[in-house]
Every structure is written in structure tokens, then in C-alpha cells.
């Protein structure tokens, strides 16, 4: 299924997703940039200008060539055994050696022909059952035919990719659970949504995709700044970000109590956040090299100046002064830039605060590693009545507690705690069955609808009144009964 329109072309600078069988990888389309995917290296230069969904073959020198559809050559009378029980895997059934295969590759022989040669040189191939033969061919094709499909990123593809590659980054949020969240949260164009997530920006991206650039989103973030690594993989057009606001969780309480002011802002958390993210992304080697470079200047021995070198030092000091001047200029510019940035940040924060103050959001989505109860109780204040909210948690217990708290507090109806169960099936002639590897769990969802909370009248008082009335009627019945 092609996503993102029938013939969208791959452009330079795009975000694209590489696909091979069921393995995905998000990349930026840049020229002369070596990409390694599934033990294959190649360049994406030749893919530019082709339509998304095209399948390419990796040729020599790492160039991509669109794959020509080849008719499957089936031998008329397929020789196959009745069962596999006499086949012994002793590693001696293949006559072609490693070096033979390498020689074939060096000659520039295509993957398909190598697979054909392997079949012809296998002593046990004819005794295998038809299914086993298919499996063998499929396995060898995967190894020797380097085929890669380039697809347009979408929520479905990216959530599948994250769940398979780094589930920890998205709190083990499975793609079917994410789909449920979007549905239960009634997300559509023109909404005003509050999103609080620590899923690398995947949930945010999914919400943005559904809203199609219409409406507004306020992302609540913990720490220094919002993380949007996955959001950037979607490749949204610029206007999508015009109505995306962010607001720090640390300021929610002050906003609710009316003590919020821009004066108490933490000093430029953006920079700290950036440094933090970079250090996380760096490999060990890079980090150690960074530390080394920082320490080097201290180890240099002090240079002693002899009288003959005095002339030179004069020049040096003149140069020094010039250098200092330039440095000061640079510093001034930097300070100016910082001020502008800070000013912009404050303006954005003001806007977000104003949006929240209206307390008329059309929905709330929470998917984080934090305990949901305090988050939900404070964020629900910003949601208009009769609107849906959805909370995701990897575990059931926090949501149970959250459920009880909400019940006590009132102001919500239709509370539901659910878990979707996903089972993949292999569908093939004569051998359809559930896949052997199933995902253990996709997390839990607590959903509900907000209603006007009448102050001083909570659920508990009503239920107590009911309980008081009920036993009296029961008492009558008991007296009527004969002993």
C-alpha cells in the first residue's frame, strides 16, 4: 500500500524510510552520503526523482538501480520430496564454497543467478518438500539479492519501526495501541489538543498527522525542552509547526494557581537540553575524545621567554589585542542572538500559557514514563467538558490507581481501562498459522470523557446517600420473610 499519495517523488533533503522485508530505517535523503542498512552499504543519489514505493537493487559501488520485475521462472516439473525427515544438516550438502560465491559476486553476477547456482549445487534440495524448497529460496534470496524499497514515512511505518528497533524510547507503545489512542482521543483537523508524551515525539507526530496542519497542539514537556526526534522523521511541511506550542510541566501548578509569570523562567534551558541530547547521541569514543580536547590546554608547559624573544612578544601582544577585540565583537553578537532567542521563547511561552488559560482544550493525550495520576489530575483542568482524554501506561497498576482517584474525584464519565491484544498471522497456502513470535504486551490505556465537575458535590457523597437509603428497603423484605 502506497502512502502519501500515488506518485510523490523522492526529493533531496526529504525524510524517507528504507524497507527490507519487515525491517525499517528512517534516513535523510542526501547526496554522496553512505548509508548502511541490513549489512548493505549504498548511496541514495540515484533514488532522487523516483516515486516513493519504488524497489531498488544495490549494484556495484553502492548505487541504487530500480529493480526490473522479473517473471518467476518456475521449472515445469518441480521435483520435491514427501518429507524432510531423512535430510541431515551436516553442512556438506552445498558444493559451492565461500570463495566460489565470492568469485561469482566479483564477476558481477546478480543475486538471482547466484541463488539459482546454489540450488543447482545443493545435494539435498530435491529431497526437500515443496514448502521447504520455497523457504530455502526465500532465505537465500534475502542473503544474496540486495533489494531495498524506499517508502514515505507515516504513523504506521514509524511506529512499527520504533517498536521493532528501540521500543524503550517509546515506552513500549505498540502501534495498535497508538491507533487506539488516536481513535479514543477523537483526533481530527481543527482540534485544540494537549499532548504530554515521552515517546521521542512519536505520539505528537501521530496527532499532527491526523490533524493535517489544522487546529492547535500544546505539547507539555518535562525538563529543559520538548524531545521531537521521531516528529522530525515524519517530514511535515513547515506550516504544520506554526500551531504547535510547548509548555513546561514545571509551570503547570503556577498557571493553575494564578501565580505564573515569565520572570521565574529557568535560564535558557534550551542549551542544556541540547547538550544533554547530544551527549546521549554520541558514541563512547566521541565523548572520550571530547573530554580529551577539553583537558589538553592545561597540560602544556609554560613557555619561558628569553630576552632575545622580547621583540616577538611585542607583536604577539598586538595580535592578542586584535584577537580580543574580535572576540568581544563575537561575544556581543552572541549575547544579542541569545537575547533574541530568549525573547522569542518568552513570546512562545506566553502564547502557550494564554491558550491553556482558556481551559477549553478539545482533548488530552498522555503517554509518558511518569506516574499518570498527578499528571492527569492537573492537566484535566485545561480540558473543556464533554471531551475525551486518553492515558497510556506501559503497566496496569498506575492506571488502576489513576482510575480509582478519578472515580473519587468525579468530573469524568465512561472511564475504561483497556489493553489490546495483537496477534500476527502468516497466511500462506496450506500453512496459515499465528506467527511464532508474538509481542508480549502493548501497554494499557485509560480513557474517558470529561464532564462539568460540580464543586462540593463529589461522587462519594452521592454514593453514600444511596447506600443509606438502600438497606432500609432491604430490611423490610427481611422482616416479611418467615423464619
Protein backbone atom coordinates (compact mmCIF):
# COMPACT_ATOMS: atom_id res chain seq x y z
CA UNK A 1 0.00 0.00 0.00
CA UNK A 2 1.48 3.29 -1.09
CA UNK A 3 1.11 6.05 1.45
CA UNK A 4 1.35 9.75 0.89
CA UNK A 5 -0.40 10.00 -2.47
CA UNK A 6 0.02 7.87 -5.57
CA UNK A 7 3.12 9.46 -7.08
CA UNK A 8 5.05 11.60 -4.67
CA UNK A 9 8.64 11.80 -5.83
CA UNK A 10 11.70 11.40 -3.64
CA UNK A 11 13.41 14.77 -3.28
CA UNK A 12 16.78 15.68 -1.86
CA UNK A 13 16.52 16.62 1.82
CA UNK A 14 13.39 14.51 2.31
CA UNK A 15 12.84 12.21 5.25
CA UNK A 16 12.37 8.72 3.86
CA UNK A 17 12.11 5.22 5.25
CA UNK A 18 14.07 2.27 3.89
CA UNK A 19 12.26 -1.04 3.96
CA UNK A 20 13.51 -4.55 3.50
CA UNK A 21 11.08 -7.34 4.31
CA UNK A 22 9.74 -6.20 7.68
CA UNK A 23 12.72 -4.08 8.70
CA UNK A 24 12.51 -0.30 8.52
CA UNK A 25 15.04 2.51 8.92
CA UNK A 26 14.43 6.27 8.75
CA UNK A 27 17.02 8.28 6.81
CA UNK A 28 17.51 11.74 5.32
CA UNK A 29 17.88 11.72 1.55
CA UNK A 30 21.24 13.38 0.93
CA UNK A 31 23.68 13.03 -1.95
CA UNK A 32 27.01 11.21 -1.52
CA UNK A 33 26.13 10.05 1.97
CA UNK A 34 26.97 6.44 2.69
CA UNK A 35 24.11 4.55 4.28
CA UNK A 36 24.38 1.19 5.97
CA UNK A 37 21.18 -0.81 6.25
CA UNK A 38 20.82 -4.54 6.90
CA UNK A 39 24.54 -5.22 6.31
CA UNK A 40 24.37 -3.38 2.96
CA UNK A 41 26.01 -0.07 2.16
CA UNK A 42 24.85 2.24 -0.61
CA UNK A 43 24.18 5.82 -1.69
CA UNK A 44 20.71 7.31 -2.21
CA UNK A 45 21.74 9.61 -5.10
CA UNK A 46 20.01 7.53 -7.77
CA UNK A 47 16.77 7.30 -5.82
CA UNK A 48 16.16 11.06 -6.07
CA UNK A 49 13.39 11.77 -8.58
CA UNK A 50 11.85 8.31 -8.37
CA UNK A 51 8.40 7.68 -6.92
CA UNK A 52 8.04 6.63 -3.27
CA UNK A 53 7.40 2.92 -3.03
CA UNK A 54 9.93 2.05 -5.73
CA UNK A 55 12.05 -1.03 -5.09
CA UNK A 56 15.75 -0.68 -5.84
CA UNK A 57 18.58 -3.13 -6.26
CA UNK A 58 22.02 -2.33 -4.88
CA UNK A 59 24.55 -2.65 -7.68
CA UNK A 60 28.36 -2.44 -7.53
CA UNK A 61 29.74 0.72 -5.97
CA UNK A 62 26.68 1.06 -3.78
CA UNK A 63 24.50 2.57 -6.49
CA UNK A 64 20.74 2.01 -6.45
CA UNK A 65 19.04 0.83 -9.62
CA UNK A 66 15.26 0.46 -9.91
CA UNK A 67 14.53 -3.27 -9.89
CA UNK A 68 13.08 -4.67 -13.07
CA UNK A 69 10.19 -7.00 -12.42
CA UNK A 70 11.41 -10.44 -13.48
CA UNK A 71 8.93 -13.20 -14.16
CA UNK A 72 9.48 -16.02 -11.71
CA UNK A 73 10.99 -18.84 -13.76
CA UNK A 74 9.35 -21.98 -12.50
CA UNK A 75 10.65 -25.31 -13.64
CA UNK A 76 7.77 -27.21 -15.17
CA UNK A 77 8.01 -30.41 -13.19
CA UNK A 78 9.12 -29.35 -9.76
CA UNK A 79 10.93 -32.21 -8.08
CA UNK A 80 10.14 -32.33 -4.40
CA UNK A 81 10.30 -34.92 -1.67
CA UNK A 82 7.41 -36.00 0.52
CA UNK A 83 9.03 -35.17 3.84
CA UNK A 84 12.24 -33.81 5.34
CA UNK A 85 12.98 -36.42 7.94
CA UNK A 86 15.92 -38.01 6.07
CA UNK A 87 17.72 -34.73 5.46
CA UNK A 88 20.66 -34.22 7.78
CA UNK A 89 22.04 -30.72 8.23
CA UNK A 90 25.73 -31.57 8.31
CA UNK A 91 26.84 -28.56 6.29
CA UNK A 92 28.07 -30.79 3.46
CA UNK A 93 25.07 -30.51 1.16
CA UNK A 94 26.24 -27.31 -0.58
CA UNK A 95 29.03 -27.90 -3.11
CA UNK A 96 29.74 -24.19 -3.71
CA UNK A 97 32.31 -22.87 -1.27
CA UNK A 98 32.52 -19.40 0.23
CA UNK A 99 35.24 -18.48 -2.24
CA UNK A 100 33.19 -19.70 -5.20
CA UNK A 101 30.34 -17.44 -4.20
CA UNK A 102 32.72 -14.51 -3.73
CA UNK A 103 34.14 -15.15 -7.19
CA UNK A 104 30.62 -15.14 -8.66
CA UNK A 105 29.90 -11.85 -6.90
CA UNK A 106 33.15 -10.29 -8.15
CA UNK A 107 32.22 -11.26 -11.71
CA UNK A 108 29.18 -9.06 -11.24
CA UNK A 109 26.71 -11.93 -11.34
CA UNK A 110 23.32 -10.85 -9.99
CA UNK A 111 21.77 -12.19 -6.83
CA UNK A 112 19.12 -14.14 -8.68
CA UNK A 113 21.70 -16.14 -10.64
CA UNK A 114 23.72 -16.85 -7.50
CA UNK A 115 20.58 -18.27 -5.87
CA UNK A 116 20.00 -20.42 -8.97
CA UNK A 117 23.59 -21.74 -8.74
CA UNK A 118 23.15 -22.51 -5.04
CA UNK A 119 20.02 -24.53 -5.81
CA UNK A 120 21.75 -26.48 -8.57
CA UNK A 121 24.72 -27.25 -6.34
CA UNK A 122 22.70 -28.37 -3.35
CA UNK A 123 22.55 -32.13 -2.99
CA UNK A 124 19.52 -32.14 -0.71
CA UNK A 125 17.34 -29.56 -2.49
CA UNK A 126 15.29 -32.08 -4.50
CA UNK A 127 14.51 -34.19 -1.44
CA UNK A 128 13.05 -31.26 0.47
CA UNK A 129 9.28 -30.76 0.48
CA UNK A 130 7.85 -28.01 -1.70
CA UNK A 131 7.41 -25.75 1.32
CA UNK A 132 10.97 -26.32 2.47
CA UNK A 133 12.19 -25.51 -1.04
CA UNK A 134 10.27 -22.24 -1.02
CA UNK A 135 11.72 -21.43 2.36
CA UNK A 136 15.25 -22.22 1.15
CA UNK A 137 14.89 -19.99 -1.91
CA UNK A 138 13.43 -17.18 0.18
CA UNK A 139 16.28 -17.41 2.69
CA UNK A 140 18.98 -17.38 0.01
CA UNK A 141 17.30 -14.53 -1.84
CA UNK A 142 17.33 -12.46 1.31
CA UNK A 143 21.04 -13.09 1.65
CA UNK A 144 22.20 -12.56 -1.91
CA UNK A 145 19.65 -10.27 -3.51
CA UNK A 146 20.14 -6.78 -2.14
CA UNK A 147 16.72 -5.22 -2.62
CA UNK A 148 15.55 -2.07 -0.85
CA UNK A 149 12.21 -0.26 -1.03
CA UNK A 150 12.00 3.43 -0.22
CA UNK A 151 8.68 4.46 1.33
CA UNK A 152 7.19 7.71 2.57
CA UNK A 153 7.11 7.92 6.37
CA UNK A 154 3.74 7.65 8.09
CA UNK A 155 2.50 6.96 11.60
CA UNK A 156 2.05 3.29 10.80
CA UNK A 157 5.53 2.84 9.38
CA UNK A 158 7.36 4.90 12.00
CA UNK A 159 5.58 3.31 14.95
CA UNK A 160 6.34 -0.15 13.56
CA UNK A 161 9.96 0.89 13.09
CA UNK A 162 10.35 2.31 16.61
CA UNK A 163 8.60 -0.65 18.21
CA UNK A 164 10.95 -3.07 16.45
CA UNK A 165 14.18 -1.09 16.75
CA UNK A 166 14.08 0.85 20.02
CA UNK A 167 10.89 0.13 21.97
CA UNK A 168 12.40 1.61 25.14
CA UNK A 169 12.45 5.05 23.54
CA UNK A 170 8.67 4.98 23.08
CA UNK A 171 7.83 3.26 26.40
CA UNK A 172 6.95 0.06 24.54
CA UNK A 173 3.94 1.72 22.94
CA UNK A 174 2.79 -0.75 20.30
CA UNK A 175 1.36 0.50 17.01
CA UNK A 176 -2.12 -0.91 17.59
CA UNK A 177 -2.24 0.81 20.98
CA UNK A 178 -1.25 4.08 19.34
CA UNK A 179 -4.04 3.61 16.80
CA UNK A 180 -6.48 3.10 19.67
CA UNK A 181 -5.27 6.31 21.29
CA UNK A 182 -5.88 8.37 18.17
CA UNK A 183 -9.39 6.94 17.86
CA UNK A 184 -10.36 7.21 21.52
CA UNK A 185 -8.96 10.76 21.64
CA UNK A 186 -11.19 11.70 18.68
CA UNK A 187 -8.30 13.45 16.95
CA UNK A 188 -9.22 15.33 13.79
CA UNK A 189 -8.49 18.56 11.96
CA UNK A 190 -9.38 21.74 13.81
CA UNK A 191 -8.95 20.29 17.29
CA UNK A 192 -7.17 22.03 20.14
CA UNK A 193 -5.15 19.23 21.70
CA UNK A 194 -2.95 18.93 24.77
CA UNK A 195 -0.27 16.27 24.33
CA UNK A 196 2.05 15.14 27.10
CA UNK A 197 4.42 12.41 25.95
CA UNK A 198 7.89 10.99 26.47
CA UNK A 199 7.87 8.80 23.36
CA UNK A 200 10.55 10.68 21.40
CA UNK A 201 7.82 12.71 19.72
CA UNK A 202 6.13 9.75 18.03
CA UNK A 203 2.73 10.33 19.64
CA UNK A 204 2.99 14.04 18.86
CA UNK A 205 3.79 13.23 15.22
CA UNK A 206 0.83 10.84 15.01
CA UNK A 207 -1.50 13.56 16.36
CA UNK A 208 -0.07 16.12 13.94
CA UNK A 209 -0.55 13.75 11.01
CA UNK A 210 -4.21 13.18 11.92
CA UNK A 211 -4.83 16.91 12.29
CA UNK A 212 -3.23 17.64 8.94
CA UNK A 213 -1.97 21.07 9.93
CA UNK A 214 -5.36 22.43 11.09
CA UNK A 215 -6.04 23.25 14.72
CA UNK A 216 -3.53 23.70 17.50
CA UNK A 217 -1.44 21.47 19.74
CA UNK A 218 0.13 22.32 23.09
CA UNK A 219 2.89 19.90 23.99
CA UNK A 220 3.59 19.69 27.71
CA UNK A 221 7.21 18.73 28.35
CA UNK A 222 9.29 17.73 31.36
CA UNK A 223 12.82 19.05 31.81
CA UNK A 224 14.55 21.59 29.62
CA UNK A 225 12.70 21.28 26.35
CA UNK A 226 10.49 19.03 24.26
CA UNK A 227 12.06 16.00 22.55
CA UNK A 228 10.93 15.60 18.96
CA UNK A 229 13.34 13.16 17.37
CA UNK A 230 10.58 11.00 15.90
CA UNK A 231 8.45 14.00 14.94
CA UNK A 232 11.19 15.15 12.58
CA UNK A 233 11.15 11.77 10.81
CA UNK A 234 7.63 12.43 9.51
CA UNK A 235 8.90 15.19 7.23
CA UNK A 236 5.95 17.52 7.89
CA UNK A 237 5.78 20.76 5.88
CA UNK A 238 6.76 23.94 7.74
CA UNK A 239 3.19 25.28 8.28
CA UNK A 240 2.40 22.21 10.42
CA UNK A 241 4.64 23.67 13.12
CA UNK A 242 3.01 27.12 13.17
CA UNK A 243 0.29 25.99 15.57
CA UNK A 244 2.47 23.70 17.65
CA UNK A 245 3.13 25.21 21.09
CA UNK A 246 5.03 23.92 24.08
CA UNK A 247 4.71 24.47 27.79
CA UNK A 248 6.87 23.18 30.67
CA UNK A 249 5.23 20.81 33.15
CA UNK A 250 7.07 22.56 35.96
CA UNK A 251 4.92 25.66 35.37
CA UNK A 252 1.51 23.95 35.33
CA UNK A 253 0.84 24.38 39.04
CA UNK A 254 1.69 28.08 38.99
CA UNK A 255 -0.53 28.55 35.93
CA UNK A 256 -3.44 26.86 37.71
CA UNK A 257 -2.99 28.84 40.92
CA UNK A 258 -2.58 32.10 39.00
CA UNK A 259 0.96 32.82 40.17
CA UNK A 260 2.53 32.09 36.78
CA UNK A 261 4.86 34.78 35.48
CA UNK A 262 7.56 34.88 32.86
CA UNK A 263 10.03 36.28 35.39
CA UNK A 264 10.61 32.94 37.11
CA UNK A 265 11.77 31.21 33.96
CA UNK A 266 14.76 28.93 34.23
CA UNK A 267 17.78 30.40 32.45
CA UNK A 268 17.96 29.16 28.88
CA UNK A 269 17.10 25.52 29.35
CA UNK A 270 17.29 25.07 25.56
CA UNK A 271 21.07 24.99 25.65
CA UNK A 272 21.22 22.48 28.48
CA UNK A 273 18.67 20.34 26.69
CA UNK A 274 20.73 20.42 23.52
CA UNK A 275 23.92 19.48 25.31
CA UNK A 276 22.07 16.67 27.05
CA UNK A 277 20.63 15.29 23.83
CA UNK A 278 23.93 15.48 22.03
CA UNK A 279 25.81 13.66 24.75
CA UNK A 280 23.19 10.91 24.72
CA UNK A 281 23.52 10.51 20.99
CA UNK A 282 27.32 10.42 20.97
CA UNK A 283 29.13 7.14 20.92
CA UNK A 284 31.58 6.42 23.72
CA UNK A 285 34.61 7.22 21.53
CA UNK A 286 33.34 10.66 20.60
CA UNK A 287 32.60 11.50 24.21
CA UNK A 288 36.03 10.48 25.39
CA UNK A 289 37.66 12.45 22.58
CA UNK A 290 35.63 15.49 23.62
CA UNK A 291 36.89 15.18 27.16
CA UNK A 292 40.46 14.86 25.94
CA UNK A 293 40.26 18.01 23.86
CA UNK A 294 38.94 19.91 26.83
CA UNK A 295 41.80 18.81 29.06
CA UNK A 296 44.67 19.36 26.62
CA UNK A 297 45.42 23.07 27.07
CA UNK A 298 46.08 22.61 30.78
CA UNK A 299 48.91 20.14 30.21
CA UNK A 300 51.04 22.46 28.04
CA UNK A 301 54.25 23.57 29.76
CA UNK A 302 54.56 27.32 30.40
CA UNK A 303 56.85 28.88 27.80
CA UNK A 304 59.79 30.84 29.23
CA UNK A 305 60.67 34.00 27.34
CA UNK A 306 64.33 34.79 26.87
CA UNK A 307 65.43 38.39 26.24
CA UNK A 308 66.02 37.80 22.50
CA UNK A 309 62.40 36.84 22.04
CA UNK A 310 61.10 40.08 23.50
CA UNK A 311 60.59 41.59 20.04
CA UNK A 312 58.28 38.71 19.10
CA UNK A 313 56.24 39.00 22.24
CA UNK A 314 55.51 42.63 21.38
CA UNK A 315 53.92 41.53 18.10
CA UNK A 316 52.08 38.76 19.87
CA UNK A 317 50.54 41.18 22.34
CA UNK A 318 49.40 43.41 19.45
CA UNK A 319 47.81 40.40 17.79
CA UNK A 320 46.33 39.46 21.12
CA UNK A 321 44.63 42.82 21.41
CA UNK A 322 43.15 42.43 17.93
CA UNK A 323 42.01 38.90 18.75
CA UNK A 324 40.42 40.18 21.96
CA UNK A 325 38.59 42.87 20.02
CA UNK A 326 37.18 40.35 17.56
CA UNK A 327 36.28 38.05 20.41
CA UNK A 328 34.40 40.87 22.13
CA UNK A 329 32.54 41.64 18.91
CA UNK A 330 31.61 37.97 18.60
CA UNK A 331 30.52 37.89 22.23
CA UNK A 332 28.31 40.93 21.72
CA UNK A 333 26.71 39.28 18.70
CA UNK A 334 26.24 36.07 20.67
CA UNK A 335 24.63 37.94 23.55
CA UNK A 336 22.36 39.72 21.07
CA UNK A 337 21.40 36.39 19.48
CA UNK A 338 20.76 34.89 22.89
CA UNK A 339 18.54 37.81 23.82
CA UNK A 340 16.55 37.44 20.63
CA UNK A 341 16.19 33.72 21.23
CA UNK A 342 15.12 34.28 24.82
CA UNK A 343 12.64 36.91 23.72
CA UNK A 344 11.17 34.54 21.13
CA UNK A 345 10.97 31.78 23.71
CA UNK A 346 9.12 34.03 26.14
CA UNK A 347 6.71 35.10 23.41
CA UNK A 348 6.01 31.46 22.55
CA UNK A 349 5.59 30.59 26.22
CA UNK A 350 3.17 33.49 26.68
CA UNK A 351 1.09 32.24 23.75
CA UNK A 352 1.03 28.69 25.12
CA UNK A 353 0.05 29.94 28.58
CA UNK A 354 -2.76 32.04 27.09
CA UNK A 355 -4.05 29.01 25.16
CA UNK A 356 -4.04 26.87 28.29
CA UNK A 357 -5.70 29.56 30.40
CA UNK A 358 -8.77 29.39 28.18
CA UNK A 359 -9.33 25.91 29.64
CA UNK A 360 -11.18 24.78 26.54
CA UNK A 361 -8.95 22.11 25.02
CA UNK A 362 -10.74 19.52 22.87
CA UNK A 363 -8.80 16.60 24.22
CA UNK A 364 -5.86 15.35 26.21
CA UNK A 365 -3.37 12.64 25.30
CA UNK A 366 -0.85 11.40 27.88
CA UNK A 367 1.81 8.79 27.10
CA UNK A 368 4.78 9.10 29.40
CA UNK A 369 7.13 7.32 31.73
CA UNK A 370 5.76 9.35 34.66
CA UNK A 371 3.03 8.29 37.04
CA UNK A 372 -0.22 9.23 35.32
CA UNK A 373 -2.30 10.27 38.37
CA UNK A 374 -0.79 13.68 39.26
CA UNK A 375 -0.32 14.49 35.56
CA UNK A 376 -3.90 13.75 34.69
CA UNK A 377 -5.45 15.48 37.69
CA UNK A 378 -3.68 18.73 36.85
CA UNK A 379 -3.93 18.59 33.05
CA UNK A 380 -7.64 17.75 33.01
CA UNK A 381 -8.22 21.27 34.37
CA UNK A 382 -7.39 22.67 30.93
CA UNK A 383 -9.86 20.44 29.06
CA UNK A 384 -13.36 21.59 28.19
CA UNK A 385 -16.27 19.46 29.46
CA UNK A 386 -17.60 16.63 27.28
CA UNK A 387 -14.20 15.98 25.72
CA UNK A 388 -12.22 12.74 25.51
CA UNK A 389 -8.92 12.01 27.25
CA UNK A 390 -6.59 9.04 26.84
CA UNK A 391 -3.71 7.97 29.07
CA UNK A 392 -1.18 5.36 28.05
CA UNK A 393 0.98 3.48 30.52
CA UNK A 394 3.26 0.53 29.97
CA UNK A 395 1.96 -1.04 33.18
CA UNK A 396 -1.51 -1.65 34.53
CA UNK A 397 -1.07 -0.77 38.22
CA UNK A 398 -0.52 3.02 37.89
CA UNK A 399 -3.60 3.24 35.69
CA UNK A 400 -5.68 1.30 38.23
CA UNK A 401 -4.72 3.83 40.87
CA UNK A 402 -5.49 6.62 38.45
CA UNK A 403 -8.90 5.08 37.72
CA UNK A 404 -9.79 4.97 41.43
CA UNK A 405 -8.64 8.56 42.01
CA UNK A 406 -10.71 9.83 39.09
CA UNK A 407 -13.76 7.91 40.31
CA UNK A 408 -13.42 9.53 43.75
CA UNK A 409 -12.92 12.98 42.30
CA UNK A 410 -15.76 12.82 39.75
CA UNK A 411 -15.92 15.04 36.71
CA UNK A 412 -15.42 12.11 34.35
CA UNK A 413 -17.70 9.52 32.82
CA UNK A 414 -17.24 6.45 30.66
CA UNK A 415 -13.94 5.51 32.33
CA UNK A 416 -12.42 2.49 30.64
CA UNK A 417 -9.19 0.65 31.27
CA UNK A 418 -8.25 -1.49 28.28
CA UNK A 419 -5.48 -3.44 26.65
CA UNK A 420 -5.46 -4.53 23.02
CA UNK A 421 -4.20 -7.97 22.20
CA UNK A 422 -2.37 -8.25 18.91
CA UNK A 423 -1.67 -11.47 17.09
CA UNK A 424 0.02 -11.64 13.71
CA UNK A 425 -0.80 -14.43 11.29
CA UNK A 426 1.22 -15.91 8.47
CA UNK A 427 -1.15 -16.50 5.58
CA UNK A 428 0.22 -18.94 3.01
CA UNK A 429 -1.38 -21.83 1.12
CA UNK A 430 -1.66 -24.89 3.41
CA UNK A 431 0.41 -23.24 6.13
CA UNK A 432 -1.50 -20.34 7.66
CA UNK A 433 -0.93 -20.05 11.38
CA UNK A 434 -0.22 -17.42 14.05
CA UNK A 435 3.35 -16.14 13.82
CA UNK A 436 5.63 -17.85 16.28
CA UNK A 437 6.99 -14.62 17.70
CA UNK A 438 4.29 -12.55 19.31
CA UNK A 439 4.68 -9.28 21.11
CA UNK A 440 4.33 -9.68 24.86
CA UNK A 441 2.21 -6.62 25.54
CA UNK A 442 1.44 -3.27 24.07
CA UNK A 443 0.69 -1.42 27.28
CA UNK A 444 -2.60 -0.21 28.75
CA UNK A 445 -4.99 2.64 28.04
CA UNK A 446 -7.25 4.54 30.38
CA UNK A 447 -9.83 6.59 28.50
CA UNK A 448 -12.84 8.64 29.47
CA UNK A 449 -14.88 11.77 28.85
CA UNK A 450 -14.79 14.94 30.92
CA UNK A 451 -17.97 16.43 32.39
CA UNK A 452 -18.58 19.55 34.43
CA UNK A 453 -17.33 18.93 37.94
CA UNK A 454 -19.73 20.50 40.46
CA UNK A 455 -17.62 21.78 43.31
CA UNK A 456 -18.53 20.35 46.72
CA UNK A 457 -20.55 17.58 45.18
CA UNK A 458 -18.26 14.67 44.50
CA UNK A 459 -19.22 11.15 43.57
CA UNK A 460 -18.50 9.75 47.01
CA UNK A 461 -21.15 11.82 48.83
CA UNK A 462 -23.80 10.75 46.33
CA UNK A 463 -22.93 7.10 46.67
CA UNK A 464 -23.05 7.33 50.48
CA UNK A 465 -26.54 8.81 50.32
CA UNK A 466 -27.63 5.96 48.08
CA UNK A 467 -26.16 3.38 50.43
CA UNK A 468 -28.04 4.91 53.37
CA UNK A 469 -31.34 4.57 51.53
CA UNK A 470 -30.81 1.10 50.18
CA UNK A 471 -30.60 -1.05 53.31
CA UNK A 472 -33.93 0.27 54.69
CA UNK A 473 -35.82 -1.24 51.74
CA UNK A 474 -33.90 -4.47 52.18
CA UNK A 475 -34.73 -4.51 55.87
CA UNK A 476 -38.46 -4.56 55.18
CA UNK A 477 -38.05 -7.54 52.94
CA UNK A 478 -36.12 -9.42 55.55
CA UNK A 479 -38.84 -8.92 58.19
CA UNK A 480 -41.51 -10.17 55.82
CA UNK A 481 -39.71 -13.44 55.30
CA UNK A 482 -40.84 -16.36 57.52
CA UNK A 483 -38.10 -17.67 59.84
